[in-house]
Amino acid sequence: ANLNSLLEIYSYAENDEERTDIFNKFSSVIDHLSSTLNTLIEALKAKVGDANENIEKVYFKDVFKDTSQILSGAILKSNAVIDTDFSQLTHISYNKIYMESIFLNLIGNAIKYSAEDRAPHIEIKTEVKNEINIITFKDNGLGIDLKKHGSKLFGLNKVFHRHPDAKGVGLYLTKTQIEAMGGTISATSEVNVGTTFTIKFN
C-alpha cells in the first residue's frame, strides 16, 4: 500500500527534482520492508517464549524514524501530521522487531482509517505511571464503536471499516506480540472522533 502511494505521488510529480526525491524513497521503503518482514517471519516462527530472548535497548525515536520511512508514501499521500513525545521514557529493553511491527500497525491503521474530511493527526507519547512503562497512540480518525465491536477488536480477520487494504490482521498481530512480551494493550474510541491505543509494557 505504501509503495502504491509513492507510485501515485510519483505520477503527479511536477518536475524532475520531485520525481528524484520520491524515487529515492522507494529504495528506503523496500529495504526496510524486506528487512522487517524477513526478520518478523523468523520471529513469529519461534515459540512465544522465545520473544524474550531477543531483547535489546530500543529507542522510541529510532523506531519512529524507521517506521516513518516505511510509511512515507502513506504519510505524504494523506498529509498526515505525527507528533511524538518520548521525553518521559526514551527507551526500554524490548524485542526491536516487535516494537517496529507495533509502530507500523498502529500508525498505519491511523492513516488507513482516517476521516475523509480531515487529515490524519497522530500523537504518540511515552510515560511512566506507578513504575509502569506506557506508550499511547492517539488519532483523529473514523473511530470504532466499542460497544458493538469491543470484544472483537483484536480478533483475527476482524474488519470494522470498509477499506480495500483491510485484512483484520494488524491489531491481532500487535496484541499477540505485546502479550508475548508480558504487556497489555487496550483501546478507547469514539466514532468520528478518533481512537487511542494504550500499551503497558512489562
N, C-alpha and C. Protein backbone atom coordinates (compact mmCIF):
# COMPACT_ATOMS: atom_id res chain seq x y z
N ALA A 1 0.83 -1.20 0.00
CA ALA A 1 0.00 0.00 0.00
C ALA A 1 0.86 1.26 0.00
N ASN A 2 1.96 1.24 0.77
CA ASN A 2 2.83 2.41 0.82
C ASN A 2 3.58 2.60 -0.48
N LEU A 3 3.98 1.50 -1.12
CA LEU A 3 4.62 1.60 -2.43
C LEU A 3 3.63 2.14 -3.45
N ASN A 4 2.38 1.70 -3.38
CA ASN A 4 1.35 2.21 -4.29
C ASN A 4 1.14 3.70 -4.09
N SER A 5 1.19 4.15 -2.83
CA SER A 5 1.04 5.57 -2.54
C SER A 5 2.17 6.37 -3.17
N LEU A 6 3.40 5.86 -3.04
CA LEU A 6 4.54 6.54 -3.64
C LEU A 6 4.42 6.58 -5.16
N LEU A 7 3.94 5.47 -5.75
CA LEU A 7 3.76 5.44 -7.20
C LEU A 7 2.76 6.49 -7.66
N GLU A 8 1.68 6.63 -6.90
CA GLU A 8 0.66 7.61 -7.25
C GLU A 8 1.21 9.03 -7.13
N ILE A 9 1.95 9.29 -6.04
CA ILE A 9 2.55 10.61 -5.85
C ILE A 9 3.56 10.89 -6.96
N TYR A 10 4.33 9.85 -7.33
CA TYR A 10 5.34 9.99 -8.38
C TYR A 10 4.68 10.40 -9.70
N SER A 11 3.53 9.81 -9.99
CA SER A 11 2.85 10.09 -11.26
C SER A 11 2.36 11.53 -11.35
N TYR A 12 2.17 12.17 -10.18
CA TYR A 12 1.70 13.55 -10.17
C TYR A 12 2.82 14.55 -9.95
N ALA A 13 4.06 14.07 -9.84
CA ALA A 13 5.20 14.97 -9.62
C ALA A 13 5.31 15.97 -10.76
N GLU A 14 5.60 17.22 -10.41
CA GLU A 14 5.58 18.29 -11.41
C GLU A 14 6.94 18.55 -12.05
N ASN A 15 8.01 18.06 -11.46
CA ASN A 15 9.33 18.30 -12.03
C ASN A 15 10.28 17.16 -11.67
N ASP A 16 11.46 17.17 -12.31
CA ASP A 16 12.44 16.10 -12.10
C ASP A 16 12.95 16.05 -10.67
N GLU A 17 13.04 17.20 -10.02
CA GLU A 17 13.54 17.22 -8.65
C GLU A 17 12.58 16.47 -7.72
N GLU A 18 11.28 16.70 -7.91
CA GLU A 18 10.29 15.99 -7.10
C GLU A 18 10.32 14.50 -7.41
N ARG A 19 10.44 14.16 -8.69
CA ARG A 19 10.47 12.75 -9.07
C ARG A 19 11.68 12.04 -8.47
N THR A 20 12.83 12.70 -8.50
CA THR A 20 14.04 12.11 -7.94
C THR A 20 13.90 11.89 -6.44
N ASP A 21 13.33 12.88 -5.76
CA ASP A 21 13.15 12.78 -4.31
C ASP A 21 12.23 11.61 -3.96
N ILE A 22 11.12 11.49 -4.70
CA ILE A 22 10.17 10.40 -4.44
C ILE A 22 10.78 9.05 -4.80
N PHE A 23 11.50 9.02 -5.93
CA PHE A 23 12.12 7.77 -6.36
C PHE A 23 13.11 7.25 -5.32
N ASN A 24 13.85 8.16 -4.69
CA ASN A 24 14.82 7.76 -3.68
C ASN A 24 14.16 7.12 -2.47
N LYS A 25 12.89 7.48 -2.24
CA LYS A 25 12.17 6.90 -1.10
C LYS A 25 11.82 5.43 -1.35
N PHE A 26 11.69 5.06 -2.64
CA PHE A 26 11.36 3.68 -2.96
C PHE A 26 12.38 2.71 -2.38
N SER A 27 13.65 3.01 -2.59
CA SER A 27 14.71 2.13 -2.11
C SER A 27 14.66 1.97 -0.60
N SER A 28 14.44 3.09 0.09
CA SER A 28 14.38 3.05 1.55
C SER A 28 13.21 2.21 2.03
N VAL A 29 12.04 2.42 1.42
CA VAL A 29 10.84 1.67 1.81
C VAL A 29 11.03 0.18 1.56
N ILE A 30 11.54 -0.17 0.38
CA ILE A 30 11.72 -1.58 0.03
C ILE A 30 12.73 -2.26 0.96
N ASP A 31 13.84 -1.57 1.22
CA ASP A 31 14.87 -2.15 2.11
C ASP A 31 14.32 -2.39 3.51
N HIS A 32 13.63 -1.39 4.04
CA HIS A 32 13.07 -1.52 5.39
C HIS A 32 12.02 -2.61 5.45
N LEU A 33 11.13 -2.64 4.45
CA LEU A 33 10.08 -3.65 4.44
C LEU A 33 10.66 -5.06 4.35
N SER A 34 11.62 -5.23 3.47
CA SER A 34 12.24 -6.54 3.29
C SER A 34 12.90 -7.02 4.57
N SER A 35 13.66 -6.13 5.19
CA SER A 35 14.36 -6.48 6.42
C SER A 35 13.39 -6.79 7.55
N THR A 36 12.40 -5.91 7.71
CA THR A 36 11.43 -6.09 8.79
C THR A 36 10.60 -7.35 8.61
N LEU A 37 10.10 -7.57 7.39
CA LEU A 37 9.25 -8.73 7.14
C LEU A 37 10.02 -10.04 7.30
N ASN A 38 11.23 -10.08 6.77
CA ASN A 38 12.01 -11.31 6.88
C ASN A 38 12.32 -11.65 8.33
N THR A 39 12.69 -10.63 9.09
CA THR A 39 13.02 -10.88 10.49
C THR A 39 11.77 -11.21 11.28
N LEU A 40 10.66 -10.54 10.96
CA LEU A 40 9.41 -10.80 11.67
C LEU A 40 8.92 -12.22 11.42
N ILE A 41 9.07 -12.68 10.19
CA ILE A 41 8.67 -14.05 9.87
C ILE A 41 9.45 -15.05 10.72
N GLU A 42 10.74 -14.81 10.83
CA GLU A 42 11.58 -15.69 11.65
C GLU A 42 11.18 -15.61 13.12
N ALA A 43 10.87 -14.39 13.57
CA ALA A 43 10.49 -14.22 14.97
C ALA A 43 9.18 -14.93 15.29
N LEU A 44 8.22 -14.84 14.35
CA LEU A 44 6.92 -15.46 14.59
C LEU A 44 6.96 -16.98 14.48
N LYS A 45 7.99 -17.49 13.80
CA LYS A 45 8.14 -18.94 13.72
C LYS A 45 8.57 -19.51 15.07
N ALA A 46 9.24 -18.67 15.84
CA ALA A 46 9.73 -19.12 17.14
C ALA A 46 8.59 -19.27 18.12
N LYS A 47 8.84 -19.97 19.19
CA LYS A 47 7.83 -20.10 20.24
C LYS A 47 7.63 -18.76 20.90
N VAL A 48 6.44 -18.54 21.45
CA VAL A 48 6.14 -17.28 22.11
C VAL A 48 7.16 -16.97 23.19
N GLY A 49 7.57 -17.98 23.92
CA GLY A 49 8.52 -17.75 25.00
C GLY A 49 9.87 -17.26 24.52
N ASP A 50 10.20 -17.51 23.25
CA ASP A 50 11.49 -17.10 22.72
C ASP A 50 11.55 -15.61 22.43
N ALA A 51 10.42 -14.92 22.44
CA ALA A 51 10.41 -13.48 22.16
C ALA A 51 11.31 -12.74 23.13
N ASN A 52 11.35 -13.20 24.36
CA ASN A 52 12.13 -12.53 25.39
C ASN A 52 13.62 -12.80 25.26
N GLU A 53 14.01 -13.67 24.33
CA GLU A 53 15.43 -13.94 24.15
C GLU A 53 16.08 -12.93 23.21
N ASN A 54 15.28 -12.20 22.46
CA ASN A 54 15.81 -11.22 21.50
C ASN A 54 15.63 -9.81 22.03
N ILE A 55 16.11 -9.57 23.24
CA ILE A 55 15.92 -8.29 23.89
C ILE A 55 17.13 -7.38 23.67
N GLU A 56 16.85 -6.12 23.40
CA GLU A 56 17.91 -5.12 23.28
C GLU A 56 17.35 -3.77 23.69
N LYS A 57 18.24 -2.81 23.87
CA LYS A 57 17.80 -1.47 24.22
C LYS A 57 17.19 -0.82 22.98
N VAL A 58 15.93 -0.47 23.06
CA VAL A 58 15.20 0.08 21.92
C VAL A 58 14.81 1.53 22.21
N TYR A 59 15.28 2.44 21.36
CA TYR A 59 14.95 3.86 21.50
C TYR A 59 13.73 4.18 20.64
N PHE A 60 12.73 4.77 21.26
CA PHE A 60 11.47 5.04 20.55
C PHE A 60 11.68 5.98 19.36
N LYS A 61 12.57 6.95 19.49
CA LYS A 61 12.78 7.90 18.39
C LYS A 61 13.36 7.19 17.17
N ASP A 62 14.19 6.18 17.40
CA ASP A 62 14.77 5.43 16.29
C ASP A 62 13.72 4.54 15.62
N VAL A 63 12.88 3.93 16.42
CA VAL A 63 11.80 3.09 15.87
C VAL A 63 10.85 3.96 15.05
N PHE A 64 10.53 5.13 15.58
CA PHE A 64 9.63 6.04 14.85
C PHE A 64 10.25 6.49 13.54
N LYS A 65 11.53 6.79 13.55
CA LYS A 65 12.22 7.21 12.33
C LYS A 65 12.16 6.13 11.27
N ASP A 66 12.46 4.89 11.67
CA ASP A 66 12.46 3.78 10.71
C ASP A 66 11.07 3.50 10.16
N THR A 67 10.07 3.48 11.03
CA THR A 67 8.72 3.17 10.57
C THR A 67 8.14 4.32 9.74
N SER A 68 8.54 5.54 10.03
CA SER A 68 8.08 6.68 9.24
C SER A 68 8.60 6.60 7.81
N GLN A 69 9.81 6.09 7.65
CA GLN A 69 10.36 5.92 6.31
C GLN A 69 9.59 4.85 5.55
N ILE A 70 9.26 3.77 6.23
CA ILE A 70 8.50 2.70 5.58
C ILE A 70 7.12 3.21 5.16
N LEU A 71 6.52 4.03 6.00
CA LEU A 71 5.16 4.55 5.74
C LEU A 71 5.17 5.89 5.02
N SER A 72 6.31 6.29 4.49
CA SER A 72 6.44 7.63 3.90
C SER A 72 5.43 7.89 2.79
N GLY A 73 5.14 6.87 1.98
CA GLY A 73 4.17 7.06 0.91
C GLY A 73 2.80 7.39 1.44
N ALA A 74 2.33 6.62 2.42
CA ALA A 74 1.01 6.86 3.01
C ALA A 74 0.96 8.19 3.75
N ILE A 75 2.06 8.54 4.42
CA ILE A 75 2.11 9.80 5.16
C ILE A 75 2.02 10.99 4.21
N LEU A 76 2.78 10.93 3.11
CA LEU A 76 2.76 12.02 2.13
C LEU A 76 1.39 12.13 1.46
N LYS A 77 0.85 10.99 1.05
CA LYS A 77 -0.43 10.99 0.33
C LYS A 77 -1.57 11.52 1.19
N SER A 78 -1.56 11.20 2.47
CA SER A 78 -2.66 11.58 3.36
C SER A 78 -2.45 12.93 4.05
N ASN A 79 -1.23 13.51 3.87
CA ASN A 79 -0.87 14.75 4.58
C ASN A 79 -0.94 14.57 6.10
N ALA A 80 -0.60 13.38 6.54
CA ALA A 80 -0.67 13.08 7.97
C ALA A 80 0.34 13.90 8.77
N VAL A 81 -0.09 14.33 9.94
CA VAL A 81 0.80 15.02 10.88
C VAL A 81 0.98 14.09 12.09
N ILE A 82 2.22 13.81 12.42
CA ILE A 82 2.51 12.90 13.54
C ILE A 82 3.36 13.63 14.56
N ASP A 83 2.82 13.81 15.75
CA ASP A 83 3.54 14.45 16.86
C ASP A 83 4.00 13.37 17.83
N THR A 84 5.25 13.47 18.27
CA THR A 84 5.77 12.48 19.22
C THR A 84 6.34 13.18 20.45
N ASP A 85 6.25 12.51 21.57
CA ASP A 85 6.84 12.99 22.82
C ASP A 85 7.37 11.77 23.58
N PHE A 86 8.67 11.56 23.46
CA PHE A 86 9.31 10.43 24.13
C PHE A 86 10.18 10.91 25.29
N SER A 87 9.89 12.12 25.78
CA SER A 87 10.75 12.73 26.80
C SER A 87 10.68 12.01 28.15
N GLN A 88 9.52 11.50 28.50
CA GLN A 88 9.38 10.84 29.80
C GLN A 88 9.96 9.43 29.83
N LEU A 89 9.98 8.81 28.65
CA LEU A 89 10.52 7.45 28.54
C LEU A 89 11.17 7.34 27.17
N THR A 90 12.48 7.44 27.11
CA THR A 90 13.18 7.47 25.83
C THR A 90 13.42 6.10 25.23
N HIS A 91 13.54 5.08 26.08
CA HIS A 91 13.84 3.74 25.58
C HIS A 91 13.43 2.68 26.60
N ILE A 92 13.33 1.46 26.11
CA ILE A 92 13.10 0.31 27.00
C ILE A 92 13.86 -0.89 26.44
N SER A 93 14.00 -1.91 27.23
CA SER A 93 14.57 -3.17 26.75
C SER A 93 13.43 -3.99 26.17
N TYR A 94 13.53 -4.32 24.88
CA TYR A 94 12.40 -4.95 24.20
C TYR A 94 12.89 -5.70 22.97
N ASN A 95 12.00 -6.47 22.38
CA ASN A 95 12.26 -7.10 21.10
C ASN A 95 12.06 -6.03 20.02
N LYS A 96 13.14 -5.63 19.36
CA LYS A 96 13.08 -4.49 18.43
C LYS A 96 12.14 -4.75 17.26
N ILE A 97 12.16 -5.95 16.71
CA ILE A 97 11.29 -6.26 15.58
C ILE A 97 9.83 -6.16 15.98
N TYR A 98 9.51 -6.62 17.18
CA TYR A 98 8.14 -6.49 17.66
C TYR A 98 7.75 -5.02 17.80
N MET A 99 8.67 -4.21 18.35
CA MET A 99 8.36 -2.80 18.55
C MET A 99 8.12 -2.11 17.21
N GLU A 100 8.95 -2.42 16.21
CA GLU A 100 8.77 -1.82 14.89
C GLU A 100 7.44 -2.25 14.28
N SER A 101 7.07 -3.50 14.48
CA SER A 101 5.80 -4.01 13.97
C SER A 101 4.63 -3.31 14.64
N ILE A 102 4.73 -3.08 15.94
CA ILE A 102 3.68 -2.38 16.69
C ILE A 102 3.49 -0.97 16.14
N PHE A 103 4.60 -0.25 15.95
CA PHE A 103 4.53 1.11 15.40
C PHE A 103 3.93 1.10 13.99
N LEU A 104 4.39 0.16 13.16
CA LEU A 104 3.89 0.08 11.79
C LEU A 104 2.39 -0.15 11.75
N ASN A 105 1.91 -1.07 12.55
CA ASN A 105 0.49 -1.39 12.54
C ASN A 105 -0.38 -0.26 13.07
N LEU A 106 0.02 0.34 14.19
CA LEU A 106 -0.83 1.36 14.80
C LEU A 106 -0.79 2.68 14.03
N ILE A 107 0.38 3.07 13.55
CA ILE A 107 0.46 4.29 12.73
C ILE A 107 -0.22 4.04 11.39
N GLY A 108 0.06 2.88 10.80
CA GLY A 108 -0.55 2.55 9.51
C GLY A 108 -2.06 2.52 9.57
N ASN A 109 -2.61 1.94 10.64
CA ASN A 109 -4.07 1.91 10.80
C ASN A 109 -4.65 3.30 10.98
N ALA A 110 -3.94 4.15 11.72
CA ALA A 110 -4.42 5.52 11.95
C ALA A 110 -4.54 6.28 10.64
N ILE A 111 -3.62 6.02 9.72
CA ILE A 111 -3.67 6.67 8.41
C ILE A 111 -4.72 6.00 7.53
N LYS A 112 -4.73 4.68 7.52
CA LYS A 112 -5.64 3.92 6.67
C LYS A 112 -7.11 4.23 6.99
N TYR A 113 -7.42 4.37 8.28
CA TYR A 113 -8.80 4.60 8.69
C TYR A 113 -9.02 6.03 9.15
N SER A 114 -8.41 6.96 8.42
CA SER A 114 -8.59 8.38 8.72
C SER A 114 -9.92 8.87 8.17
N ALA A 115 -10.40 9.98 8.72
CA ALA A 115 -11.67 10.55 8.27
C ALA A 115 -11.48 11.29 6.95
N GLU A 116 -12.50 11.27 6.11
CA GLU A 116 -12.39 11.90 4.79
C GLU A 116 -12.32 13.42 4.87
N ASP A 117 -12.88 14.00 5.93
CA ASP A 117 -12.96 15.46 5.99
C ASP A 117 -11.80 16.12 6.75
N ARG A 118 -10.80 15.35 7.12
CA ARG A 118 -9.65 15.93 7.82
C ARG A 118 -8.42 15.05 7.65
N ALA A 119 -7.27 15.71 7.65
CA ALA A 119 -6.01 14.97 7.52
C ALA A 119 -5.72 14.22 8.82
N PRO A 120 -5.07 13.09 8.74
CA PRO A 120 -4.75 12.34 9.96
C PRO A 120 -3.83 13.13 10.88
N HIS A 121 -4.16 13.14 12.16
CA HIS A 121 -3.29 13.73 13.18
C HIS A 121 -3.06 12.65 14.23
N ILE A 122 -1.82 12.25 14.35
CA ILE A 122 -1.47 11.14 15.25
C ILE A 122 -0.52 11.65 16.33
N GLU A 123 -0.83 11.31 17.57
CA GLU A 123 0.02 11.69 18.69
C GLU A 123 0.55 10.42 19.37
N ILE A 124 1.86 10.34 19.50
CA ILE A 124 2.49 9.19 20.14
C ILE A 124 3.26 9.69 21.35
N LYS A 125 2.96 9.15 22.50
CA LYS A 125 3.57 9.65 23.73
C LYS A 125 3.94 8.50 24.67
N THR A 126 5.11 8.63 25.30
CA THR A 126 5.51 7.66 26.31
C THR A 126 5.45 8.31 27.68
N GLU A 127 5.22 7.50 28.70
CA GLU A 127 5.21 8.00 30.07
C GLU A 127 5.41 6.84 31.04
N VAL A 128 5.67 7.19 32.28
CA VAL A 128 5.82 6.19 33.34
C VAL A 128 4.83 6.52 34.44
N LYS A 129 3.91 5.57 34.72
CA LYS A 129 2.92 5.76 35.78
C LYS A 129 3.01 4.59 36.75
N ASN A 130 3.19 4.91 38.02
CA ASN A 130 3.28 3.86 39.05
C ASN A 130 4.30 2.79 38.66
N GLU A 131 5.43 3.27 38.12
CA GLU A 131 6.54 2.40 37.73
C GLU A 131 6.21 1.49 36.54
N ILE A 132 5.15 1.82 35.82
CA ILE A 132 4.77 1.07 34.62
C ILE A 132 5.09 1.90 33.38
N ASN A 133 5.81 1.31 32.43
CA ASN A 133 6.16 1.99 31.19
C ASN A 133 4.97 1.92 30.22
N ILE A 134 4.58 3.08 29.71
CA ILE A 134 3.38 3.18 28.87
C ILE A 134 3.67 3.97 27.60
N ILE A 135 3.04 3.55 26.51
CA ILE A 135 3.05 4.34 25.28
C ILE A 135 1.63 4.40 24.74
N THR A 136 1.22 5.57 24.26
CA THR A 136 -0.12 5.74 23.70
C THR A 136 -0.03 6.22 22.26
N PHE A 137 -0.95 5.74 21.45
CA PHE A 137 -1.11 6.15 20.05
C PHE A 137 -2.51 6.73 19.92
N LYS A 138 -2.61 8.02 19.70
CA LYS A 138 -3.91 8.69 19.62
C LYS A 138 -4.10 9.26 18.21
N ASP A 139 -5.28 9.03 17.63
CA ASP A 139 -5.55 9.56 16.30
C ASP A 139 -6.91 10.25 16.24
N ASN A 140 -7.16 10.94 15.15
CA ASN A 140 -8.43 11.66 14.96
C ASN A 140 -9.22 11.05 13.80
N GLY A 141 -9.14 9.74 13.69
CA GLY A 141 -9.74 9.05 12.56
C GLY A 141 -11.21 8.69 12.71
N LEU A 142 -11.61 7.63 12.03
CA LEU A 142 -13.02 7.23 11.98
C LEU A 142 -13.56 6.78 13.33
N GLY A 143 -12.67 6.24 14.16
CA GLY A 143 -13.13 5.72 15.44
C GLY A 143 -13.84 4.38 15.29
N ILE A 144 -14.06 3.73 16.41
CA ILE A 144 -14.69 2.40 16.41
C ILE A 144 -15.78 2.36 17.48
N ASP A 145 -16.91 1.78 17.15
CA ASP A 145 -17.99 1.60 18.12
C ASP A 145 -17.61 0.42 19.02
N LEU A 146 -17.00 0.73 20.16
CA LEU A 146 -16.52 -0.34 21.04
C LEU A 146 -17.65 -1.10 21.72
N LYS A 147 -18.81 -0.47 21.89
CA LYS A 147 -19.95 -1.19 22.46
C LYS A 147 -20.38 -2.33 21.53
N LYS A 148 -20.22 -2.09 20.25
CA LYS A 148 -20.61 -3.08 19.25
C LYS A 148 -19.48 -4.03 18.90
N HIS A 149 -18.26 -3.49 18.80
CA HIS A 149 -17.14 -4.29 18.31
C HIS A 149 -16.02 -4.52 19.33
N GLY A 150 -16.18 -4.00 20.53
CA GLY A 150 -15.10 -4.07 21.52
C GLY A 150 -14.54 -5.45 21.76
N SER A 151 -15.41 -6.44 21.87
CA SER A 151 -14.95 -7.80 22.17
C SER A 151 -14.21 -8.44 21.01
N LYS A 152 -14.39 -7.88 19.80
CA LYS A 152 -13.75 -8.44 18.61
C LYS A 152 -12.60 -7.58 18.10
N LEU A 153 -12.28 -6.50 18.83
CA LEU A 153 -11.34 -5.51 18.33
C LEU A 153 -9.99 -6.10 17.94
N PHE A 154 -9.48 -7.01 18.75
CA PHE A 154 -8.16 -7.58 18.49
C PHE A 154 -8.24 -8.99 17.91
N GLY A 155 -9.40 -9.34 17.38
CA GLY A 155 -9.58 -10.68 16.82
C GLY A 155 -8.96 -10.81 15.44
N LEU A 156 -8.61 -12.03 15.07
CA LEU A 156 -8.02 -12.30 13.77
C LEU A 156 -9.08 -12.16 12.67
N ASN A 157 -8.70 -11.48 11.59
CA ASN A 157 -9.57 -11.27 10.42
C ASN A 157 -10.84 -10.49 10.75
N LYS A 158 -10.77 -9.65 11.79
CA LYS A 158 -11.91 -8.80 12.13
C LYS A 158 -11.71 -7.42 11.51
N VAL A 159 -12.68 -7.00 10.69
CA VAL A 159 -12.60 -5.72 9.99
C VAL A 159 -13.79 -4.86 10.40
N PHE A 160 -13.54 -3.59 10.71
CA PHE A 160 -14.61 -2.72 11.23
C PHE A 160 -14.93 -1.55 10.31
N HIS A 161 -14.14 -1.37 9.26
CA HIS A 161 -14.39 -0.31 8.29
C HIS A 161 -14.14 -0.87 6.89
N ARG A 162 -14.86 -0.34 5.93
CA ARG A 162 -14.65 -0.76 4.55
C ARG A 162 -13.39 -0.07 4.01
N HIS A 163 -12.43 -0.87 3.62
CA HIS A 163 -11.19 -0.34 3.05
C HIS A 163 -10.58 -1.45 2.21
N PRO A 164 -10.11 -1.14 1.00
CA PRO A 164 -9.56 -2.18 0.11
C PRO A 164 -8.37 -2.93 0.69
N ASP A 165 -7.63 -2.27 1.61
CA ASP A 165 -6.45 -2.92 2.19
C ASP A 165 -6.72 -3.54 3.55
N ALA A 166 -7.96 -3.50 4.00
CA ALA A 166 -8.29 -4.04 5.33
C ALA A 166 -8.19 -5.56 5.31
N LYS A 167 -7.38 -6.10 6.22
CA LYS A 167 -7.20 -7.55 6.30
C LYS A 167 -7.60 -8.11 7.66
N GLY A 168 -7.68 -7.26 8.68
CA GLY A 168 -8.04 -7.73 10.01
C GLY A 168 -6.94 -8.54 10.67
N VAL A 169 -5.69 -8.21 10.34
CA VAL A 169 -4.56 -8.94 10.89
C VAL A 169 -3.71 -8.06 11.82
N GLY A 170 -3.61 -6.77 11.51
CA GLY A 170 -2.71 -5.87 12.22
C GLY A 170 -2.89 -5.82 13.72
N LEU A 171 -4.11 -5.59 14.19
CA LEU A 171 -4.34 -5.48 15.63
C LEU A 171 -4.17 -6.82 16.33
N TYR A 172 -4.54 -7.89 15.63
CA TYR A 172 -4.34 -9.23 16.20
C TYR A 172 -2.86 -9.51 16.41
N LEU A 173 -2.06 -9.19 15.39
CA LEU A 173 -0.62 -9.41 15.48
C LEU A 173 -0.01 -8.53 16.56
N THR A 174 -0.45 -7.27 16.61
CA THR A 174 0.07 -6.34 17.62
C THR A 174 -0.19 -6.85 19.03
N LYS A 175 -1.42 -7.28 19.28
CA LYS A 175 -1.78 -7.79 20.61
C LYS A 175 -0.97 -9.05 20.94
N THR A 176 -0.80 -9.92 19.96
CA THR A 176 -0.05 -11.15 20.18
C THR A 176 1.40 -10.85 20.56
N GLN A 177 2.00 -9.90 19.87
CA GLN A 177 3.39 -9.54 20.15
C GLN A 177 3.54 -8.90 21.53
N ILE A 178 2.63 -8.00 21.86
CA ILE A 178 2.70 -7.32 23.15
C ILE A 178 2.52 -8.31 24.29
N GLU A 179 1.56 -9.21 24.15
CA GLU A 179 1.32 -10.19 25.21
C GLU A 179 2.45 -11.21 25.31
N ALA A 180 3.10 -11.49 24.18
CA ALA A 180 4.25 -12.40 24.20
C ALA A 180 5.38 -11.82 25.03
N MET A 181 5.42 -10.48 25.12
CA MET A 181 6.44 -9.80 25.90
C MET A 181 5.95 -9.47 27.31
N GLY A 182 4.75 -9.96 27.65
CA GLY A 182 4.23 -9.76 29.00
C GLY A 182 3.48 -8.47 29.22
N GLY A 183 3.15 -7.76 28.14
CA GLY A 183 2.44 -6.49 28.27
C GLY A 183 0.97 -6.59 27.95
N THR A 184 0.30 -5.43 27.92
CA THR A 184 -1.12 -5.38 27.58
C THR A 184 -1.39 -4.22 26.63
N ILE A 185 -2.47 -4.32 25.87
CA ILE A 185 -2.92 -3.23 25.01
C ILE A 185 -4.42 -3.07 25.18
N SER A 186 -4.86 -1.82 25.28
CA SER A 186 -6.29 -1.52 25.41
C SER A 186 -6.62 -0.34 24.51
N ALA A 187 -7.90 -0.10 24.31
CA ALA A 187 -8.31 0.98 23.42
C ALA A 187 -9.52 1.72 23.96
N THR A 188 -9.54 3.02 23.70
CA THR A 188 -10.73 3.84 23.89
C THR A 188 -11.02 4.48 22.54
N SER A 189 -12.28 4.66 22.22
CA SER A 189 -12.60 5.18 20.90
C SER A 189 -13.98 5.82 20.87
N GLU A 190 -14.12 6.79 19.98
CA GLU A 190 -15.41 7.43 19.75
C GLU A 190 -15.58 7.58 18.25
N VAL A 191 -16.71 7.12 17.75
CA VAL A 191 -16.98 7.17 16.31
C VAL A 191 -16.90 8.60 15.80
N ASN A 192 -16.18 8.79 14.69
CA ASN A 192 -15.99 10.08 14.04
C ASN A 192 -15.16 11.07 14.86
N VAL A 193 -14.53 10.60 15.92
CA VAL A 193 -13.65 11.45 16.73
C VAL A 193 -12.23 10.91 16.73
N GLY A 194 -12.09 9.61 16.97
CA GLY A 194 -10.76 9.02 16.95
C GLY A 194 -10.60 7.89 17.95
N THR A 195 -9.39 7.34 17.96
CA THR A 195 -9.09 6.18 18.80
C THR A 195 -7.75 6.38 19.51
N THR A 196 -7.67 5.88 20.73
CA THR A 196 -6.41 5.89 21.47
C THR A 196 -6.09 4.47 21.92
N PHE A 197 -4.91 4.01 21.54
CA PHE A 197 -4.42 2.71 21.99
C PHE A 197 -3.39 2.93 23.08
N THR A 198 -3.53 2.22 24.18
CA THR A 198 -2.61 2.33 25.30
C THR A 198 -1.91 1.00 25.52
N ILE A 199 -0.59 1.05 25.47
CA ILE A 199 0.21 -0.16 25.67
C ILE A 199 0.98 -0.02 26.97
N LYS A 200 0.85 -1.04 27.81
CA LYS A 200 1.61 -1.09 29.06
C LYS A 200 2.63 -2.21 28.93
N PHE A 201 3.90 -1.84 29.06
CA PHE A 201 4.97 -2.81 28.92
C PHE A 201 5.26 -3.49 30.25
N ASN A 202 5.70 -4.73 30.17
CA ASN A 202 6.05 -5.49 31.36
C ASN A 202 7.31 -4.91 32.00
